[in-house]
Amino acid sequence: MFATVSFDVKSGNALSIPVRAIVNVQGKDFAFVSTAPNVFERRALMLGQQVNDKAIVLHGLNAGDRVVIKGAMELKGISFGY
């Protein structure tokens, strides 16, 4: 027997970031947060469902964090030594 099941995911009040802000290194997800002008901190993320072009963040960011969206791949190279 087979069944087709679909779950409706609502965006609600969850903390989320654009998918393009997420960098993946060896199966782990990270984002870069601006902590001061031209100073960025790499944060490990635990992600939940993806809703449209955003991913729900379960752990690793706080409300109000300024997440890098444009240029995240360049910071990945600098941060991880690529």
N, C-alpha and C. Protein backbone atom coordinates (compact mmCIF):
# COMPACT_ATOMS: atom_id res chain seq x y z
N MET A 1 0.83 -1.17 0.00
CA MET A 1 0.00 0.00 0.00
C MET A 1 0.88 1.25 0.00
N PHE A 2 0.37 2.28 -0.62
CA PHE A 2 1.07 3.56 -0.68
C PHE A 2 0.08 4.65 -0.37
N ALA A 3 0.61 5.74 0.15
CA ALA A 3 -0.24 6.90 0.42
C ALA A 3 0.55 8.15 0.09
N THR A 4 -0.14 9.17 -0.30
CA THR A 4 0.48 10.47 -0.51
C THR A 4 0.02 11.37 0.61
N VAL A 5 0.99 11.94 1.33
CA VAL A 5 0.69 12.79 2.47
C VAL A 5 1.32 14.15 2.24
N SER A 6 0.62 15.20 2.55
CA SER A 6 1.20 16.54 2.48
C SER A 6 0.92 17.26 3.78
N PHE A 7 1.89 18.03 4.20
CA PHE A 7 1.77 18.82 5.42
C PHE A 7 1.80 20.28 5.05
N ASP A 8 0.90 21.03 5.59
CA ASP A 8 0.85 22.46 5.33
C ASP A 8 1.72 23.16 6.36
N VAL A 9 2.75 23.86 5.90
CA VAL A 9 3.64 24.59 6.79
C VAL A 9 3.28 26.06 6.72
N LYS A 10 2.99 26.65 7.83
CA LYS A 10 2.66 28.06 7.90
C LYS A 10 3.88 28.84 8.38
N SER A 11 4.03 30.06 7.90
CA SER A 11 5.21 30.85 8.27
C SER A 11 5.12 31.36 9.71
N GLY A 12 3.97 31.74 10.19
CA GLY A 12 3.77 32.13 11.59
C GLY A 12 4.76 33.17 12.10
N ASN A 13 5.13 33.07 13.39
CA ASN A 13 6.02 34.02 14.03
C ASN A 13 7.43 33.48 14.21
N ALA A 14 7.81 32.46 13.50
CA ALA A 14 9.13 31.85 13.67
C ALA A 14 10.22 32.78 13.15
N LEU A 15 11.39 32.68 13.76
CA LEU A 15 12.56 33.41 13.30
C LEU A 15 13.04 32.75 12.02
N SER A 16 13.20 33.54 10.96
CA SER A 16 13.63 32.97 9.69
C SER A 16 14.59 33.91 8.99
N ILE A 17 15.38 33.35 8.08
CA ILE A 17 16.30 34.14 7.28
C ILE A 17 16.20 33.69 5.82
N PRO A 18 16.59 34.55 4.89
CA PRO A 18 16.57 34.14 3.49
C PRO A 18 17.53 32.97 3.26
N VAL A 19 17.13 32.05 2.42
CA VAL A 19 17.96 30.88 2.13
C VAL A 19 19.31 31.29 1.57
N ARG A 20 19.36 32.38 0.81
CA ARG A 20 20.63 32.81 0.22
C ARG A 20 21.64 33.30 1.26
N ALA A 21 21.21 33.51 2.51
CA ALA A 21 22.13 33.92 3.57
C ALA A 21 22.81 32.72 4.24
N ILE A 22 22.36 31.52 3.91
CA ILE A 22 22.89 30.31 4.55
C ILE A 22 24.03 29.75 3.72
N VAL A 23 25.14 29.45 4.39
CA VAL A 23 26.25 28.76 3.73
C VAL A 23 26.38 27.38 4.37
N ASN A 24 26.70 26.40 3.55
CA ASN A 24 26.81 25.04 4.03
C ASN A 24 28.24 24.57 3.85
N VAL A 25 28.83 24.07 4.93
CA VAL A 25 30.19 23.54 4.89
C VAL A 25 30.18 22.17 5.54
N GLN A 26 30.53 21.16 4.78
CA GLN A 26 30.60 19.78 5.25
C GLN A 26 29.33 19.35 5.98
N GLY A 27 28.19 19.70 5.39
CA GLY A 27 26.90 19.29 5.93
C GLY A 27 26.39 20.12 7.09
N LYS A 28 27.09 21.18 7.45
CA LYS A 28 26.65 22.05 8.55
C LYS A 28 26.28 23.42 7.98
N ASP A 29 25.25 24.03 8.56
CA ASP A 29 24.76 25.32 8.08
C ASP A 29 25.28 26.45 8.96
N PHE A 30 25.63 27.56 8.29
CA PHE A 30 26.15 28.74 8.97
C PHE A 30 25.54 30.00 8.36
N ALA A 31 25.58 31.07 9.14
CA ALA A 31 25.24 32.40 8.65
C ALA A 31 26.25 33.36 9.25
N PHE A 32 26.41 34.51 8.63
CA PHE A 32 27.32 35.53 9.13
C PHE A 32 26.50 36.70 9.64
N VAL A 33 26.85 37.15 10.85
CA VAL A 33 26.13 38.23 11.52
C VAL A 33 27.06 39.42 11.65
N SER A 34 26.57 40.61 11.29
CA SER A 34 27.34 41.84 11.44
C SER A 34 27.31 42.25 12.91
N THR A 35 28.49 42.33 13.53
CA THR A 35 28.57 42.71 14.94
C THR A 35 29.05 44.15 15.14
N ALA A 36 29.65 44.72 14.10
CA ALA A 36 30.12 46.10 14.07
C ALA A 36 30.37 46.42 12.61
N PRO A 37 30.59 47.69 12.27
CA PRO A 37 30.88 48.00 10.86
C PRO A 37 32.08 47.19 10.36
N ASN A 38 31.87 46.46 9.28
CA ASN A 38 32.91 45.62 8.65
C ASN A 38 33.45 44.52 9.55
N VAL A 39 32.69 44.10 10.56
CA VAL A 39 33.07 42.99 11.43
C VAL A 39 31.93 41.98 11.40
N PHE A 40 32.28 40.72 11.08
CA PHE A 40 31.27 39.68 10.92
C PHE A 40 31.63 38.46 11.74
N GLU A 41 30.61 37.86 12.32
CA GLU A 41 30.79 36.66 13.14
C GLU A 41 30.08 35.49 12.49
N ARG A 42 30.77 34.37 12.36
CA ARG A 42 30.17 33.16 11.80
C ARG A 42 29.37 32.47 12.90
N ARG A 43 28.13 32.10 12.59
CA ARG A 43 27.28 31.40 13.56
C ARG A 43 26.81 30.07 12.99
N ALA A 44 26.95 29.02 13.76
CA ALA A 44 26.40 27.71 13.38
C ALA A 44 24.89 27.76 13.58
N LEU A 45 24.16 27.17 12.66
CA LEU A 45 22.70 27.21 12.71
C LEU A 45 22.11 25.82 12.82
N MET A 46 20.96 25.76 13.49
CA MET A 46 20.10 24.59 13.43
C MET A 46 18.84 25.09 12.74
N LEU A 47 18.55 24.52 11.58
CA LEU A 47 17.44 25.00 10.78
C LEU A 47 16.25 24.06 10.85
N GLY A 48 15.07 24.65 10.65
CA GLY A 48 13.84 23.89 10.57
C GLY A 48 13.36 23.87 9.13
N GLN A 49 12.08 23.93 8.94
CA GLN A 49 11.47 23.89 7.61
C GLN A 49 11.86 25.09 6.77
N GLN A 50 11.87 24.89 5.47
CA GLN A 50 12.02 25.99 4.53
C GLN A 50 10.64 26.37 4.04
N VAL A 51 10.31 27.64 4.14
CA VAL A 51 9.02 28.15 3.68
C VAL A 51 9.30 29.19 2.61
N ASN A 52 8.95 28.85 1.37
CA ASN A 52 9.24 29.69 0.22
C ASN A 52 10.75 29.93 0.13
N ASP A 53 11.20 31.18 0.20
CA ASP A 53 12.62 31.48 0.07
C ASP A 53 13.28 31.75 1.42
N LYS A 54 12.63 31.34 2.50
CA LYS A 54 13.18 31.55 3.85
C LYS A 54 13.29 30.22 4.58
N ALA A 55 14.27 30.16 5.48
CA ALA A 55 14.44 28.98 6.32
C ALA A 55 14.20 29.37 7.77
N ILE A 56 13.50 28.54 8.48
CA ILE A 56 13.23 28.79 9.90
C ILE A 56 14.49 28.43 10.70
N VAL A 57 14.88 29.33 11.58
CA VAL A 57 16.08 29.14 12.40
C VAL A 57 15.65 28.70 13.80
N LEU A 58 16.03 27.48 14.17
CA LEU A 58 15.69 26.96 15.49
C LEU A 58 16.73 27.35 16.54
N HIS A 59 17.98 27.47 16.11
CA HIS A 59 19.06 27.79 17.05
C HIS A 59 20.21 28.44 16.28
N GLY A 60 20.86 29.43 16.89
CA GLY A 60 22.05 30.04 16.31
C GLY A 60 21.94 31.53 16.06
N LEU A 61 20.72 32.04 15.98
CA LEU A 61 20.51 33.47 15.78
C LEU A 61 19.49 33.98 16.79
N ASN A 62 19.55 35.29 17.02
CA ASN A 62 18.59 35.95 17.89
C ASN A 62 17.80 36.96 17.08
N ALA A 63 16.60 37.26 17.52
CA ALA A 63 15.82 38.31 16.87
C ALA A 63 16.62 39.60 16.90
N GLY A 64 16.67 40.29 15.79
CA GLY A 64 17.41 41.54 15.70
C GLY A 64 18.83 41.40 15.18
N ASP A 65 19.35 40.18 15.09
CA ASP A 65 20.68 39.99 14.50
C ASP A 65 20.66 40.46 13.05
N ARG A 66 21.74 41.12 12.64
CA ARG A 66 21.87 41.59 11.26
C ARG A 66 22.63 40.54 10.46
N VAL A 67 21.91 39.80 9.66
CA VAL A 67 22.48 38.68 8.91
C VAL A 67 22.93 39.14 7.53
N VAL A 68 24.11 38.71 7.13
CA VAL A 68 24.64 39.03 5.80
C VAL A 68 23.88 38.22 4.76
N ILE A 69 23.38 38.90 3.75
CA ILE A 69 22.69 38.23 2.67
C ILE A 69 23.55 38.31 1.41
N LYS A 70 23.90 39.50 1.00
CA LYS A 70 24.74 39.69 -0.18
C LYS A 70 26.20 39.61 0.25
N GLY A 71 26.96 38.71 -0.35
CA GLY A 71 28.37 38.55 -0.02
C GLY A 71 28.65 37.43 0.97
N ALA A 72 27.64 36.65 1.31
CA ALA A 72 27.85 35.57 2.28
C ALA A 72 28.84 34.53 1.76
N MET A 73 28.82 34.26 0.46
CA MET A 73 29.74 33.27 -0.10
C MET A 73 31.19 33.76 -0.02
N GLU A 74 31.43 35.05 -0.18
CA GLU A 74 32.77 35.59 -0.05
C GLU A 74 33.26 35.46 1.40
N LEU A 75 32.37 35.72 2.36
CA LEU A 75 32.74 35.55 3.77
C LEU A 75 33.00 34.09 4.09
N LYS A 76 32.28 33.20 3.45
CA LYS A 76 32.52 31.77 3.64
C LYS A 76 33.95 31.43 3.27
N GLY A 77 34.39 31.93 2.11
CA GLY A 77 35.76 31.66 1.66
C GLY A 77 36.80 32.20 2.63
N ILE A 78 36.59 33.40 3.13
CA ILE A 78 37.53 34.01 4.06
C ILE A 78 37.50 33.28 5.40
N SER A 79 36.31 32.99 5.90
CA SER A 79 36.13 32.38 7.22
C SER A 79 36.68 30.96 7.29
N PHE A 80 36.47 30.20 6.22
CA PHE A 80 36.88 28.80 6.23
C PHE A 80 38.20 28.56 5.51
N GLY A 81 38.83 29.62 5.02
CA GLY A 81 40.14 29.50 4.38
C GLY A 81 40.13 28.90 3.00
N TYR A 82 39.08 29.18 2.23
CA TYR A 82 39.02 28.66 0.85
C TYR A 82 39.64 29.64 -0.10
